[in-house]
């Protein structure tokens, strides 16, 4: 199947039923996105997700927008989902990315695009922390708060668990610790 992804047809209609999004016509693109989520999970694959790049319905159409970045399917298939901002292409604000993973709302219409692909807060946080460290093969020294690991973290002005996902981007950073040192304090 992965061989088909690299060398096979690229037409939209040929995306797999359990699959990640199809590649655009005209070439393999820079990301492997046609492999089925189940197959990628069985192979121990990873999905690196930049949720702020979720195209709006107005740009690619409601149908295509609904199935791009199928993060819920990837998590369910055992794929290690990592998240990033893709800065400087988009804003380097992890709060926007987390809200996007929880809501999947179109920036143009505000409509949920593929709501069945939403994930919970704990999964989204793992995608930005320990799963991202695993992607870098660095989870032995970063990605979680444990003795012996670097202390890279921030403290917010309110608990995330109590926030409506629409308000997540309004949470302000009170303190940032980098490599065990306070580098920002409000």
N, C-alpha and C. Protein backbone atom coordinates (compact mmCIF):
# COMPACT_ATOMS: atom_id res chain seq x y z
N UNK A 1 0.82 -1.18 0.00
CA UNK A 1 0.00 0.00 0.00
C UNK A 1 0.87 1.25 0.00
N UNK A 2 1.93 1.28 0.79
CA UNK A 2 2.77 2.46 0.81
C UNK A 2 3.44 2.66 -0.53
N UNK A 3 3.79 1.55 -1.21
CA UNK A 3 4.35 1.65 -2.54
C UNK A 3 3.35 2.31 -3.48
N UNK A 4 2.07 1.95 -3.35
CA UNK A 4 1.03 2.56 -4.17
C UNK A 4 0.96 4.06 -3.88
N UNK A 5 1.16 4.43 -2.64
CA UNK A 5 1.11 5.83 -2.27
C UNK A 5 2.17 6.64 -3.01
N UNK A 6 3.36 6.09 -3.07
CA UNK A 6 4.47 6.82 -3.68
C UNK A 6 4.39 6.78 -5.20
N UNK A 7 4.02 5.62 -5.77
CA UNK A 7 4.10 5.45 -7.21
C UNK A 7 2.75 5.34 -7.92
N UNK A 8 1.67 5.21 -7.16
CA UNK A 8 0.36 4.96 -7.76
C UNK A 8 -0.36 6.21 -8.19
N UNK A 9 -1.61 6.04 -8.63
CA UNK A 9 -2.43 7.16 -9.09
C UNK A 9 -2.65 8.19 -7.99
N UNK A 10 -2.92 9.40 -8.38
CA UNK A 10 -3.06 10.49 -7.41
C UNK A 10 -4.47 11.08 -7.39
N UNK A 11 -5.41 10.50 -8.05
CA UNK A 11 -6.73 11.11 -8.14
C UNK A 11 -7.46 11.05 -6.81
N UNK A 12 -8.22 12.07 -6.53
CA UNK A 12 -8.97 12.21 -5.30
C UNK A 12 -9.88 11.01 -5.05
N UNK A 13 -10.55 10.50 -6.08
CA UNK A 13 -11.52 9.42 -5.91
C UNK A 13 -10.86 8.15 -5.38
N UNK A 14 -9.56 8.04 -5.47
CA UNK A 14 -8.89 6.81 -5.11
C UNK A 14 -8.36 6.83 -3.68
N UNK A 15 -8.81 7.76 -2.87
CA UNK A 15 -8.37 7.74 -1.48
C UNK A 15 -8.99 6.52 -0.80
N UNK A 16 -8.34 6.04 0.20
CA UNK A 16 -8.77 4.82 0.88
C UNK A 16 -9.87 5.13 1.87
N UNK A 17 -10.74 4.16 2.10
CA UNK A 17 -11.86 4.35 3.01
C UNK A 17 -11.42 4.71 4.42
N UNK A 18 -10.35 4.09 4.90
CA UNK A 18 -9.89 4.39 6.26
C UNK A 18 -8.74 5.38 6.21
N UNK A 19 -8.59 6.07 5.08
CA UNK A 19 -7.35 6.75 4.80
C UNK A 19 -7.21 8.14 5.34
N UNK A 20 -5.98 8.58 5.26
CA UNK A 20 -5.65 9.96 5.49
C UNK A 20 -5.96 10.68 4.20
N UNK A 21 -5.76 11.95 4.12
CA UNK A 21 -6.19 12.67 2.93
C UNK A 21 -5.38 12.29 1.71
N UNK A 22 -6.01 12.40 0.55
CA UNK A 22 -5.34 12.09 -0.71
C UNK A 22 -4.40 13.22 -1.10
N UNK A 23 -3.41 12.88 -1.89
CA UNK A 23 -2.47 13.87 -2.38
C UNK A 23 -3.12 14.66 -3.51
N UNK A 24 -2.73 15.92 -3.69
CA UNK A 24 -3.28 16.68 -4.79
C UNK A 24 -2.85 16.08 -6.11
N UNK A 25 -3.67 16.28 -7.15
CA UNK A 25 -3.28 15.80 -8.47
C UNK A 25 -2.01 16.49 -8.90
N UNK A 26 -1.20 15.76 -9.63
CA UNK A 26 -0.01 16.37 -10.22
C UNK A 26 1.29 16.02 -9.53
N UNK A 27 1.29 15.17 -8.54
CA UNK A 27 2.58 14.82 -7.97
C UNK A 27 2.48 14.29 -6.57
N UNK A 28 3.57 13.74 -6.08
CA UNK A 28 3.55 13.12 -4.77
C UNK A 28 3.51 14.10 -3.62
N UNK A 29 3.79 15.36 -3.84
CA UNK A 29 3.75 16.32 -2.75
C UNK A 29 4.89 16.08 -1.77
N UNK A 30 4.90 16.83 -0.67
CA UNK A 30 5.99 16.68 0.28
C UNK A 30 5.61 15.84 1.48
N UNK A 31 4.33 15.47 1.59
CA UNK A 31 3.89 14.70 2.74
C UNK A 31 3.22 13.41 2.27
N UNK A 32 3.47 12.33 2.97
CA UNK A 32 2.83 11.07 2.69
C UNK A 32 1.46 11.08 3.34
N UNK A 33 0.39 11.24 2.54
CA UNK A 33 -0.93 11.42 3.12
C UNK A 33 -1.98 10.50 2.53
N UNK A 34 -1.63 9.49 1.77
CA UNK A 34 -2.63 8.62 1.18
C UNK A 34 -2.69 7.27 1.89
N UNK A 35 -1.68 6.95 2.66
CA UNK A 35 -1.67 5.67 3.35
C UNK A 35 -2.82 5.59 4.32
N UNK A 36 -3.45 4.42 4.45
CA UNK A 36 -4.55 4.25 5.38
C UNK A 36 -4.08 4.39 6.81
N UNK A 37 -4.94 4.94 7.64
CA UNK A 37 -4.59 5.14 9.05
C UNK A 37 -4.25 3.82 9.73
N UNK A 38 -5.01 2.76 9.44
CA UNK A 38 -4.74 1.46 10.06
C UNK A 38 -3.35 0.97 9.69
N UNK A 39 -2.99 1.09 8.41
CA UNK A 39 -1.68 0.62 7.95
C UNK A 39 -0.56 1.43 8.58
N UNK A 40 -0.73 2.73 8.64
CA UNK A 40 0.30 3.58 9.23
C UNK A 40 0.46 3.24 10.71
N UNK A 41 -0.65 3.01 11.41
CA UNK A 41 -0.58 2.64 12.81
C UNK A 41 0.13 1.31 13.03
N UNK A 42 -0.16 0.32 12.17
CA UNK A 42 0.48 -0.99 12.30
C UNK A 42 1.98 -0.91 12.04
N UNK A 43 2.39 0.03 11.20
CA UNK A 43 3.81 0.18 10.89
C UNK A 43 4.53 1.07 11.91
N UNK A 44 3.80 1.58 12.90
CA UNK A 44 4.41 2.47 13.89
C UNK A 44 4.64 3.86 13.35
N UNK A 45 3.86 4.24 12.34
CA UNK A 45 4.04 5.55 11.71
C UNK A 45 3.55 6.70 12.55
N UNK A 46 3.87 7.89 12.10
CA UNK A 46 3.50 9.11 12.81
C UNK A 46 2.82 10.07 11.85
N UNK A 47 1.93 10.88 12.39
CA UNK A 47 1.29 11.94 11.64
C UNK A 47 1.69 13.24 12.30
N UNK A 48 2.35 14.11 11.55
CA UNK A 48 2.71 15.43 12.07
C UNK A 48 1.66 16.39 11.57
N UNK A 49 1.00 17.02 12.48
CA UNK A 49 -0.20 17.78 12.20
C UNK A 49 0.00 19.26 12.48
N UNK A 50 -0.30 20.11 11.52
CA UNK A 50 -0.28 21.56 11.71
C UNK A 50 -1.71 22.04 11.55
N UNK A 51 -2.47 22.01 12.63
CA UNK A 51 -3.91 22.23 12.51
C UNK A 51 -4.27 23.60 11.99
N UNK A 52 -3.45 24.57 12.18
CA UNK A 52 -3.77 25.89 11.64
C UNK A 52 -3.76 25.88 10.12
N UNK A 53 -3.27 24.80 9.51
CA UNK A 53 -3.28 24.70 8.06
C UNK A 53 -4.55 24.04 7.55
N UNK A 54 -5.51 23.74 8.42
CA UNK A 54 -6.77 23.16 8.00
C UNK A 54 -7.44 24.15 7.05
N UNK A 55 -7.57 23.75 5.81
CA UNK A 55 -8.14 24.66 4.81
C UNK A 55 -9.62 24.88 5.07
N UNK A 56 -10.06 26.06 4.78
CA UNK A 56 -11.45 26.42 4.98
C UNK A 56 -12.32 25.83 3.89
N UNK A 57 -13.58 25.65 4.23
CA UNK A 57 -14.56 25.18 3.26
C UNK A 57 -14.54 26.05 2.01
N UNK A 58 -14.38 27.35 2.21
CA UNK A 58 -14.42 28.29 1.09
C UNK A 58 -13.26 28.09 0.13
N UNK A 59 -12.17 27.53 0.62
CA UNK A 59 -10.98 27.35 -0.21
C UNK A 59 -11.01 26.03 -0.95
N UNK A 60 -11.29 24.93 -0.25
CA UNK A 60 -11.21 23.60 -0.88
C UNK A 60 -12.56 22.91 -0.98
N UNK A 61 -13.62 23.52 -0.47
CA UNK A 61 -14.94 22.89 -0.49
C UNK A 61 -15.20 22.11 0.78
N UNK A 62 -16.48 22.03 1.13
CA UNK A 62 -16.88 21.40 2.39
C UNK A 62 -16.50 19.92 2.45
N UNK A 63 -16.67 19.18 1.35
CA UNK A 63 -16.39 17.75 1.38
C UNK A 63 -14.91 17.47 1.63
N UNK A 64 -14.06 18.15 0.89
CA UNK A 64 -12.62 17.91 1.06
C UNK A 64 -12.14 18.42 2.41
N UNK A 65 -12.65 19.55 2.84
CA UNK A 65 -12.26 20.10 4.12
C UNK A 65 -12.62 19.16 5.26
N UNK A 66 -13.74 18.44 5.12
CA UNK A 66 -14.20 17.54 6.18
C UNK A 66 -13.28 16.35 6.40
N UNK A 67 -12.57 15.89 5.38
CA UNK A 67 -11.75 14.70 5.58
C UNK A 67 -10.26 14.97 5.65
N UNK A 68 -9.83 16.20 5.51
CA UNK A 68 -8.39 16.44 5.65
C UNK A 68 -8.00 16.43 7.11
N UNK A 69 -6.79 16.06 7.37
CA UNK A 69 -6.24 15.93 8.72
C UNK A 69 -7.16 15.08 9.63
N UNK A 70 -7.34 13.81 9.32
CA UNK A 70 -8.21 12.94 10.12
C UNK A 70 -7.54 12.47 11.42
N UNK A 71 -7.38 13.38 12.33
CA UNK A 71 -6.62 13.12 13.54
C UNK A 71 -7.29 12.07 14.43
N UNK A 72 -8.62 12.13 14.57
CA UNK A 72 -9.32 11.13 15.38
C UNK A 72 -9.06 9.72 14.83
N UNK A 73 -9.18 9.56 13.51
CA UNK A 73 -8.93 8.25 12.89
C UNK A 73 -7.50 7.81 13.13
N UNK A 74 -6.57 8.74 13.06
CA UNK A 74 -5.16 8.40 13.28
C UNK A 74 -4.94 7.94 14.72
N UNK A 75 -5.44 8.68 15.69
CA UNK A 75 -5.31 8.26 17.09
C UNK A 75 -5.93 6.88 17.30
N UNK A 76 -7.14 6.69 16.76
CA UNK A 76 -7.84 5.42 16.95
C UNK A 76 -7.10 4.25 16.33
N UNK A 77 -6.32 4.50 15.27
CA UNK A 77 -5.57 3.45 14.58
C UNK A 77 -4.21 3.20 15.22
N UNK A 78 -3.88 3.94 16.27
CA UNK A 78 -2.60 3.73 16.93
C UNK A 78 -1.46 4.54 16.34
N UNK A 79 -1.78 5.50 15.48
CA UNK A 79 -0.75 6.37 14.91
C UNK A 79 -0.32 7.36 15.98
N UNK A 80 0.97 7.60 16.11
CA UNK A 80 1.46 8.64 17.02
C UNK A 80 1.23 9.98 16.34
N UNK A 81 0.31 10.75 16.86
CA UNK A 81 -0.02 12.05 16.28
C UNK A 81 0.79 13.11 17.00
N UNK A 82 1.54 13.88 16.22
CA UNK A 82 2.33 14.99 16.74
C UNK A 82 1.73 16.27 16.19
N UNK A 83 1.89 17.35 16.89
CA UNK A 83 1.36 18.62 16.42
C UNK A 83 2.44 19.69 16.49
N UNK A 84 2.33 20.64 15.58
CA UNK A 84 3.26 21.77 15.55
C UNK A 84 2.55 22.95 14.93
N UNK A 85 3.20 24.09 14.94
CA UNK A 85 2.58 25.29 14.40
C UNK A 85 2.94 25.53 12.95
N UNK A 86 4.01 24.92 12.46
CA UNK A 86 4.57 25.17 11.12
C UNK A 86 5.04 26.62 10.99
N UNK A 87 5.43 27.23 12.12
CA UNK A 87 5.96 28.60 12.09
C UNK A 87 7.24 28.61 11.26
N UNK A 88 7.50 29.63 10.51
CA UNK A 88 6.84 30.93 10.49
C UNK A 88 5.69 31.03 9.48
N UNK A 89 5.25 29.90 8.90
CA UNK A 89 4.13 29.95 7.96
C UNK A 89 2.85 30.34 8.68
N UNK A 90 2.65 29.82 9.88
CA UNK A 90 1.51 30.18 10.71
C UNK A 90 2.03 30.69 12.05
N UNK A 91 1.14 31.21 12.86
CA UNK A 91 1.55 31.72 14.16
C UNK A 91 2.02 30.57 15.06
N UNK A 92 3.10 30.79 15.81
CA UNK A 92 3.61 29.72 16.67
C UNK A 92 2.88 29.65 18.00
N UNK A 93 1.56 29.55 17.96
CA UNK A 93 0.76 29.55 19.17
C UNK A 93 0.09 28.19 19.35
N UNK A 94 0.62 27.39 20.25
CA UNK A 94 0.08 26.05 20.48
C UNK A 94 -1.37 26.09 20.92
N UNK A 95 -1.81 27.19 21.56
CA UNK A 95 -3.20 27.28 22.01
C UNK A 95 -4.15 27.27 20.82
N UNK A 96 -3.77 27.93 19.73
CA UNK A 96 -4.60 27.92 18.52
C UNK A 96 -4.67 26.51 17.95
N UNK A 97 -3.55 25.82 17.95
CA UNK A 97 -3.51 24.46 17.42
C UNK A 97 -4.37 23.50 18.23
N UNK A 98 -4.30 23.62 19.54
CA UNK A 98 -5.11 22.75 20.41
C UNK A 98 -6.59 23.04 20.21
N UNK A 99 -6.95 24.33 20.18
CA UNK A 99 -8.36 24.69 19.96
C UNK A 99 -8.82 24.14 18.61
N UNK A 100 -7.98 24.22 17.60
CA UNK A 100 -8.32 23.69 16.29
C UNK A 100 -8.55 22.20 16.30
N UNK A 101 -7.75 21.47 17.06
CA UNK A 101 -7.92 20.01 17.14
C UNK A 101 -9.19 19.65 17.89
N UNK A 102 -9.60 20.46 18.85
CA UNK A 102 -10.81 20.20 19.62
C UNK A 102 -12.07 20.59 18.85
N UNK A 103 -11.97 21.65 18.03
CA UNK A 103 -13.15 22.21 17.38
C UNK A 103 -13.27 21.91 15.88
N UNK A 104 -12.15 21.89 15.15
CA UNK A 104 -12.12 21.71 13.69
C UNK A 104 -13.08 22.69 12.98
N UNK A 105 -13.05 23.93 13.41
CA UNK A 105 -13.95 24.91 12.81
C UNK A 105 -13.26 25.63 11.66
N UNK A 106 -13.99 25.82 10.59
CA UNK A 106 -13.50 26.55 9.43
C UNK A 106 -13.24 28.00 9.81
N UNK A 107 -12.10 28.52 9.40
CA UNK A 107 -11.80 29.92 9.68
C UNK A 107 -12.73 30.84 8.90
N UNK A 108 -13.23 30.38 7.76
CA UNK A 108 -14.10 31.22 6.93
C UNK A 108 -15.54 31.22 7.43
N UNK A 109 -16.09 30.04 7.71
CA UNK A 109 -17.51 29.95 8.02
C UNK A 109 -17.81 29.73 9.50
N UNK A 110 -16.82 29.27 10.27
CA UNK A 110 -17.06 28.92 11.67
C UNK A 110 -17.72 27.56 11.83
N UNK A 111 -18.07 26.92 10.71
CA UNK A 111 -18.73 25.61 10.73
C UNK A 111 -17.70 24.53 11.06
N UNK A 112 -18.11 23.55 11.87
CA UNK A 112 -17.24 22.42 12.15
C UNK A 112 -17.02 21.64 10.87
N UNK A 113 -15.78 21.41 10.54
CA UNK A 113 -15.42 20.72 9.31
C UNK A 113 -14.89 19.33 9.66
N UNK A 114 -15.70 18.31 9.40
CA UNK A 114 -15.31 16.96 9.80
C UNK A 114 -15.33 16.79 11.30
N UNK A 115 -16.45 17.12 11.98
CA UNK A 115 -16.47 17.08 13.44
C UNK A 115 -16.17 15.71 14.03
N UNK A 116 -16.37 14.65 13.25
CA UNK A 116 -16.06 13.31 13.75
C UNK A 116 -14.56 13.11 13.93
N UNK A 117 -13.74 14.05 13.44
CA UNK A 117 -12.29 13.96 13.57
C UNK A 117 -11.76 14.81 14.73
N UNK A 118 -12.64 15.42 15.52
CA UNK A 118 -12.21 16.17 16.71
C UNK A 118 -11.57 15.22 17.72
N UNK A 119 -10.67 15.74 18.51
CA UNK A 119 -10.05 14.96 19.58
C UNK A 119 -10.25 15.68 20.91
N UNK A 120 -9.98 15.00 21.99
CA UNK A 120 -10.10 15.59 23.32
C UNK A 120 -8.86 16.37 23.71
N UNK A 121 -8.98 17.11 24.79
CA UNK A 121 -7.89 17.96 25.26
C UNK A 121 -6.64 17.13 25.60
N UNK A 122 -6.80 16.02 26.28
CA UNK A 122 -5.63 15.21 26.66
C UNK A 122 -4.88 14.73 25.42
N UNK A 123 -5.61 14.29 24.40
CA UNK A 123 -4.94 13.83 23.17
C UNK A 123 -4.21 14.98 22.47
N UNK A 124 -4.86 16.14 22.41
CA UNK A 124 -4.23 17.29 21.76
C UNK A 124 -2.97 17.71 22.51
N UNK A 125 -3.02 17.71 23.84
CA UNK A 125 -1.83 18.07 24.62
C UNK A 125 -0.71 17.07 24.41
N UNK A 126 -1.04 15.77 24.35
CA UNK A 126 -0.01 14.76 24.06
C UNK A 126 0.61 15.00 22.69
N UNK A 127 -0.19 15.40 21.72
CA UNK A 127 0.34 15.65 20.37
C UNK A 127 1.38 16.76 20.37
N UNK A 128 1.22 17.74 21.25
CA UNK A 128 2.17 18.85 21.34
C UNK A 128 3.34 18.60 22.28
N UNK A 129 3.25 17.56 23.11
CA UNK A 129 4.28 17.35 24.13
C UNK A 129 5.01 16.03 23.93
N UNK A 130 4.58 14.98 24.60
CA UNK A 130 5.32 13.72 24.57
C UNK A 130 5.36 13.10 23.18
N UNK A 131 4.26 13.20 22.41
CA UNK A 131 4.29 12.62 21.07
C UNK A 131 5.25 13.38 20.16
N UNK A 132 5.30 14.69 20.32
CA UNK A 132 6.25 15.48 19.52
C UNK A 132 7.69 15.11 19.90
N UNK A 133 7.93 14.87 21.18
CA UNK A 133 9.27 14.45 21.61
C UNK A 133 9.61 13.08 21.03
N UNK A 134 8.63 12.18 20.98
CA UNK A 134 8.86 10.87 20.36
C UNK A 134 9.21 11.03 18.88
N UNK A 135 8.54 11.94 18.21
CA UNK A 135 8.81 12.21 16.79
C UNK A 135 10.27 12.60 16.60
N UNK A 136 10.81 13.34 17.57
CA UNK A 136 12.21 13.77 17.52
C UNK A 136 13.17 12.74 18.10
N UNK A 137 12.65 11.58 18.52
CA UNK A 137 13.45 10.56 19.20
C UNK A 137 14.13 11.17 20.43
N UNK A 138 13.40 12.04 21.13
CA UNK A 138 13.96 12.75 22.28
C UNK A 138 13.09 12.60 23.52
N UNK A 139 12.18 11.62 23.51
CA UNK A 139 11.27 11.48 24.64
C UNK A 139 11.95 10.98 25.91
N UNK A 140 13.23 10.60 25.81
CA UNK A 140 13.95 10.22 27.03
C UNK A 140 14.44 11.45 27.80
N UNK A 141 14.43 12.64 27.18
CA UNK A 141 14.90 13.82 27.89
C UNK A 141 13.95 15.03 27.80
N UNK A 142 12.85 14.92 27.03
CA UNK A 142 11.88 16.02 26.98
C UNK A 142 10.50 15.47 26.65
N UNK A 143 9.49 16.32 26.74
CA UNK A 143 8.14 15.95 26.33
C UNK A 143 7.18 15.67 27.47
N UNK A 144 7.70 15.51 28.67
CA UNK A 144 6.85 15.31 29.85
C UNK A 144 7.59 15.87 31.06
N UNK A 145 6.84 16.15 32.11
CA UNK A 145 7.43 16.70 33.32
C UNK A 145 7.80 15.54 34.23
N UNK A 146 9.10 15.22 34.25
CA UNK A 146 9.62 14.11 35.05
C UNK A 146 11.02 14.46 35.54
N UNK A 147 11.41 13.86 36.65
CA UNK A 147 12.76 14.04 37.16
C UNK A 147 13.75 13.59 36.09
N UNK A 148 14.76 14.41 35.85
CA UNK A 148 15.80 14.07 34.89
C UNK A 148 15.56 14.60 33.48
N UNK A 149 14.37 15.13 33.22
CA UNK A 149 14.08 15.70 31.90
C UNK A 149 14.18 17.21 31.98
N UNK A 150 14.41 17.85 30.82
CA UNK A 150 14.46 19.31 30.80
C UNK A 150 13.11 19.85 31.24
N UNK A 151 13.13 20.94 31.89
CA UNK A 151 11.89 21.54 32.37
C UNK A 151 11.48 22.66 31.42
N UNK A 152 10.86 22.28 30.31
CA UNK A 152 10.32 23.25 29.36
C UNK A 152 8.81 23.23 29.51
N UNK A 153 8.26 24.29 30.07
CA UNK A 153 6.82 24.32 30.30
C UNK A 153 6.34 25.74 30.49
N UNK A 154 5.01 25.89 30.43
CA UNK A 154 4.44 27.20 30.74
C UNK A 154 3.30 27.01 31.72
N UNK A 155 3.02 28.05 32.47
CA UNK A 155 1.93 28.07 33.43
C UNK A 155 0.94 29.11 32.93
N UNK A 156 -0.32 28.71 32.83
CA UNK A 156 -1.35 29.61 32.31
C UNK A 156 -2.11 30.26 33.46
N UNK A 157 -2.87 31.30 33.13
CA UNK A 157 -3.62 32.04 34.14
C UNK A 157 -4.93 31.37 34.53
N UNK A 158 -5.26 30.24 33.91
CA UNK A 158 -6.49 29.52 34.23
C UNK A 158 -6.34 28.05 33.84
N UNK A 159 -7.12 27.17 34.45
CA UNK A 159 -7.01 25.74 34.14
C UNK A 159 -7.64 25.42 32.77
N UNK A 160 -6.90 24.71 31.95
CA UNK A 160 -7.40 24.35 30.62
C UNK A 160 -8.62 23.45 30.69
N UNK A 161 -8.67 22.56 31.67
CA UNK A 161 -9.76 21.59 31.76
C UNK A 161 -11.12 22.25 31.94
N UNK A 162 -11.14 23.47 32.45
CA UNK A 162 -12.41 24.15 32.72
C UNK A 162 -12.82 25.09 31.59
N UNK A 163 -11.99 25.21 30.56
CA UNK A 163 -12.26 26.19 29.51
C UNK A 163 -13.11 25.62 28.38
N UNK A 164 -14.00 26.45 27.86
CA UNK A 164 -14.65 26.15 26.59
C UNK A 164 -13.54 26.22 25.54
N UNK A 165 -13.45 25.26 24.61
CA UNK A 165 -12.38 25.29 23.61
C UNK A 165 -12.30 26.59 22.82
N UNK A 166 -13.43 27.29 22.68
CA UNK A 166 -13.43 28.58 21.97
C UNK A 166 -12.64 29.64 22.74
N UNK A 167 -12.50 29.46 24.05
CA UNK A 167 -11.80 30.43 24.89
C UNK A 167 -10.35 30.05 25.17
N UNK A 168 -9.91 28.93 24.66
CA UNK A 168 -8.56 28.45 24.95
C UNK A 168 -7.49 29.45 24.53
N UNK A 169 -7.68 30.12 23.41
CA UNK A 169 -6.66 31.06 22.94
C UNK A 169 -6.60 32.32 23.81
N UNK A 170 -7.60 32.51 24.66
CA UNK A 170 -7.60 33.68 25.55
C UNK A 170 -6.81 33.44 26.83
N UNK A 171 -6.48 32.18 27.10
CA UNK A 171 -5.66 31.88 28.29
C UNK A 171 -4.30 32.53 28.11
N UNK A 172 -3.85 33.25 29.12
CA UNK A 172 -2.56 33.94 29.02
C UNK A 172 -1.47 33.17 29.75
N UNK A 173 -0.28 33.29 29.23
CA UNK A 173 0.88 32.65 29.84
C UNK A 173 1.35 33.51 31.00
N UNK A 174 1.39 32.94 32.19
CA UNK A 174 1.89 33.64 33.37
C UNK A 174 3.39 33.41 33.58
N UNK A 175 3.86 32.24 33.18
CA UNK A 175 5.24 31.87 33.45
C UNK A 175 5.72 30.89 32.38
N UNK A 176 6.95 31.08 31.92
CA UNK A 176 7.56 30.13 30.99
C UNK A 176 8.90 29.69 31.56
N UNK A 177 9.08 28.37 31.61
CA UNK A 177 10.33 27.78 32.08
C UNK A 177 10.97 27.08 30.89
N UNK A 178 12.23 27.38 30.64
CA UNK A 178 12.97 26.76 29.54
C UNK A 178 14.27 26.21 30.10
N UNK A 179 14.47 24.93 29.89
CA UNK A 179 15.68 24.26 30.38
C UNK A 179 15.89 24.49 31.88
N UNK A 180 14.78 24.48 32.61
CA UNK A 180 14.85 24.61 34.06
C UNK A 180 14.98 26.03 34.57
N UNK A 181 15.01 27.03 33.67
CA UNK A 181 15.15 28.44 34.08
C UNK A 181 13.89 29.23 33.70
N UNK A 182 13.45 30.11 34.58
CA UNK A 182 12.34 30.98 34.26
C UNK A 182 12.82 32.00 33.24
N UNK A 183 12.19 32.02 32.07
CA UNK A 183 12.58 32.95 31.01
C UNK A 183 11.50 34.00 30.75
N UNK A 184 10.32 33.80 31.35
CA UNK A 184 9.24 34.79 31.23
C UNK A 184 8.38 34.69 32.45
N UNK A 185 8.03 35.86 33.01
CA UNK A 185 7.09 35.90 34.12
C UNK A 185 6.27 37.15 33.99
N UNK A 186 4.95 36.98 34.05
CA UNK A 186 4.04 38.12 33.88
C UNK A 186 3.73 38.72 35.23
